[in-house]
Amino acid sequence: MSRGHRSRDLKDINRTDVLAALSQARTSLIEAKRHMRPRSGLSRSAEAVIAEIDDFAFVLTGSREHFHLKAHGTPARRLPEDD
């Protein structure tokens, strides 16, 4: 057993750098999937890695949807107040 490598605690890592790298990897995998046959083994493997990235983002941020696009919407209409 090698004792030269110490496991780092999550508090010791730069979350911003890790999330940026994961975001880039996730985006690349999604783009690559566009050129794959939908139900191929390669496509399923890419989808599994994307799911693992989302799981790791959950560990870091508390949100499984950290990398998901936020829905655009209009604010609720204000109703006229009764006098």
C-alpha atoms as a PDB file:
ATOM      1  CA  MET A   1       0.000   0.000   0.000  1.00  0.00           C
ATOM      2  CA  SER A   2       1.256   3.420  -0.877  1.00  0.00           C
ATOM      3  CA  ARG A   3       1.127   5.980   1.909  1.00  0.00           C
ATOM      4  CA  GLY A   4       2.511   8.835  -0.176  1.00  0.00           C
ATOM      5  CA  HIS A   5      -0.904   9.851  -1.501  1.00  0.00           C
ATOM      6  CA  ARG A   6      -3.194  11.525   1.009  1.00  0.00           C
ATOM      7  CA  SER A   7      -6.915  11.728   0.346  1.00  0.00           C
ATOM      8  CA  ARG A   8      -8.051  15.350   0.329  1.00  0.00           C
ATOM      9  CA  ASP A   9     -11.171  16.483   2.107  1.00  0.00           C
ATOM     10  CA  LEU A  10     -13.840  18.262   0.054  1.00  0.00           C
ATOM     11  CA  LYS A  11     -13.103  21.396   2.086  1.00  0.00           C
ATOM     12  CA  ASP A  12      -9.559  21.412   0.627  1.00  0.00           C
ATOM     13  CA  ILE A  13     -10.595  21.683  -3.036  1.00  0.00           C
ATOM     14  CA  ASN A  14     -11.486  24.745  -5.055  1.00  0.00           C
ATOM     15  CA  ARG A  15     -15.139  24.011  -5.784  1.00  0.00           C
ATOM     16  CA  THR A  16     -15.324  26.734  -8.423  1.00  0.00           C
ATOM     17  CA  ASP A  17     -12.487  25.173 -10.437  1.00  0.00           C
ATOM     18  CA  VAL A  18     -13.922  21.668 -10.096  1.00  0.00           C
ATOM     19  CA  LEU A  19     -17.418  22.792 -11.111  1.00  0.00           C
ATOM     20  CA  ALA A  20     -16.013  24.676 -14.111  1.00  0.00           C
ATOM     21  CA  ALA A  21     -14.135  21.573 -15.274  1.00  0.00           C
ATOM     22  CA  LEU A  22     -17.189  19.372 -14.752  1.00  0.00           C
ATOM     23  CA  SER A  23     -19.343  21.849 -16.669  1.00  0.00           C
ATOM     24  CA  GLN A  24     -16.958  21.799 -19.612  1.00  0.00           C
ATOM     25  CA  ALA A  25     -16.810  17.997 -19.609  1.00  0.00           C
ATOM     26  CA  ARG A  26     -20.605  17.726 -19.369  1.00  0.00           C
ATOM     27  CA  THR A  27     -21.100  20.180 -22.239  1.00  0.00           C
ATOM     28  CA  SER A  28     -18.595  18.255 -24.389  1.00  0.00           C
ATOM     29  CA  LEU A  29     -20.360  14.955 -23.690  1.00  0.00           C
ATOM     30  CA  ILE A  30     -23.756  16.425 -24.578  1.00  0.00           C
ATOM     31  CA  GLU A  31     -22.347  17.771 -27.842  1.00  0.00           C
ATOM     32  CA  ALA A  32     -20.718  14.422 -28.646  1.00  0.00           C
ATOM     33  CA  LYS A  33     -24.012  12.600 -27.960  1.00  0.00           C
ATOM     34  CA  ARG A  34     -25.659  14.628 -30.722  1.00  0.00           C
ATOM     35  CA  HIS A  35     -23.507  12.739 -33.217  1.00  0.00           C
ATOM     36  CA  MET A  36     -24.114   9.274 -31.756  1.00  0.00           C
ATOM     37  CA  ARG A  37     -26.828   6.768 -32.452  1.00  0.00           C
ATOM     38  CA  PRO A  38     -29.413   7.354 -29.697  1.00  0.00           C
ATOM     39  CA  ARG A  39     -29.462   3.875 -28.156  1.00  0.00           C
ATOM     40  CA  SER A  40     -25.876   2.845 -28.850  1.00  0.00           C
ATOM     41  CA  GLY A  41     -23.594   1.629 -26.112  1.00  0.00           C
ATOM     42  CA  LEU A  42     -21.414   4.690 -26.573  1.00  0.00           C
ATOM     43  CA  SER A  43     -24.390   7.016 -26.162  1.00  0.00           C
ATOM     44  CA  ARG A  44     -25.494   5.178 -23.034  1.00  0.00           C
ATOM     45  CA  SER A  45     -21.969   5.384 -21.638  1.00  0.00           C
ATOM     46  CA  ALA A  46     -21.875   9.141 -22.257  1.00  0.00           C
ATOM     47  CA  GLU A  47     -25.256   9.483 -20.536  1.00  0.00           C
ATOM     48  CA  ALA A  48     -23.938   7.526 -17.539  1.00  0.00           C
ATOM     49  CA  VAL A  49     -20.940   9.851 -17.223  1.00  0.00           C
ATOM     50  CA  ILE A  50     -23.250  12.891 -17.455  1.00  0.00           C
ATOM     51  CA  ALA A  51     -25.351  11.416 -14.633  1.00  0.00           C
ATOM     52  CA  GLU A  52     -22.203  10.892 -12.528  1.00  0.00           C
ATOM     53  CA  ILE A  53     -21.180  14.520 -13.144  1.00  0.00           C
ATOM     54  CA  ASP A  54     -24.634  15.634 -11.962  1.00  0.00           C
ATOM     55  CA  ASP A  55     -24.271  13.437  -8.862  1.00  0.00           C
ATOM     56  CA  PHE A  56     -20.871  14.941  -8.068  1.00  0.00           C
ATOM     57  CA  ALA A  57     -22.255  18.446  -8.568  1.00  0.00           C
ATOM     58  CA  PHE A  58     -24.936  17.505  -6.039  1.00  0.00           C
ATOM     59  CA  VAL A  59     -22.225  16.596  -3.522  1.00  0.00           C
ATOM     60  CA  LEU A  60     -20.518  19.950  -4.101  1.00  0.00           C
ATOM     61  CA  THR A  61     -23.561  22.223  -4.366  1.00  0.00           C
ATOM     62  CA  GLY A  62     -26.562  20.395  -2.924  1.00  0.00           C
ATOM     63  CA  SER A  63     -28.350  20.625  -6.290  1.00  0.00           C
ATOM     64  CA  ARG A  64     -28.605  17.821  -8.848  1.00  0.00           C
ATOM     65  CA  GLU A  65     -29.732  20.412 -11.392  1.00  0.00           C
ATOM     66  CA  HIS A  66     -26.691  22.662 -10.943  1.00  0.00           C
ATOM     67  CA  PHE A  67     -25.724  22.336 -14.632  1.00  0.00           C
ATOM     68  CA  HIS A  68     -29.260  22.255 -16.021  1.00  0.00           C
ATOM     69  CA  LEU A  69     -30.529  25.300 -17.856  1.00  0.00           C
ATOM     70  CA  LYS A  70     -32.894  27.401 -15.827  1.00  0.00           C
ATOM     71  CA  ALA A  71     -36.298  27.885 -17.391  1.00  0.00           C
ATOM     72  CA  HIS A  72     -37.034  31.330 -18.699  1.00  0.00           C
ATOM     73  CA  GLY A  73     -40.349  32.693 -17.686  1.00  0.00           C
ATOM     74  CA  THR A  74     -42.252  35.856 -17.291  1.00  0.00           C
ATOM     75  CA  PRO A  75     -43.097  37.097 -13.838  1.00  0.00           C
ATOM     76  CA  ALA A  76     -46.624  36.548 -12.621  1.00  0.00           C
ATOM     77  CA  ARG A  77     -49.064  39.228 -13.688  1.00  0.00           C
ATOM     78  CA  ARG A  78     -50.061  41.593 -10.951  1.00  0.00           C
ATOM     79  CA  LEU A  79     -53.785  41.766 -10.473  1.00  0.00           C
ATOM     80  CA  PRO A  80     -55.344  45.181  -9.885  1.00  0.00           C
ATOM     81  CA  GLU A  81     -55.875  45.818  -6.220  1.00  0.00           C
ATOM     82  CA  ASP A  82     -59.440  46.199  -4.991  1.00  0.00           C
ATOM     83  CA  ASP A  83     -60.186  49.565  -3.370  1.00  0.00           C
END
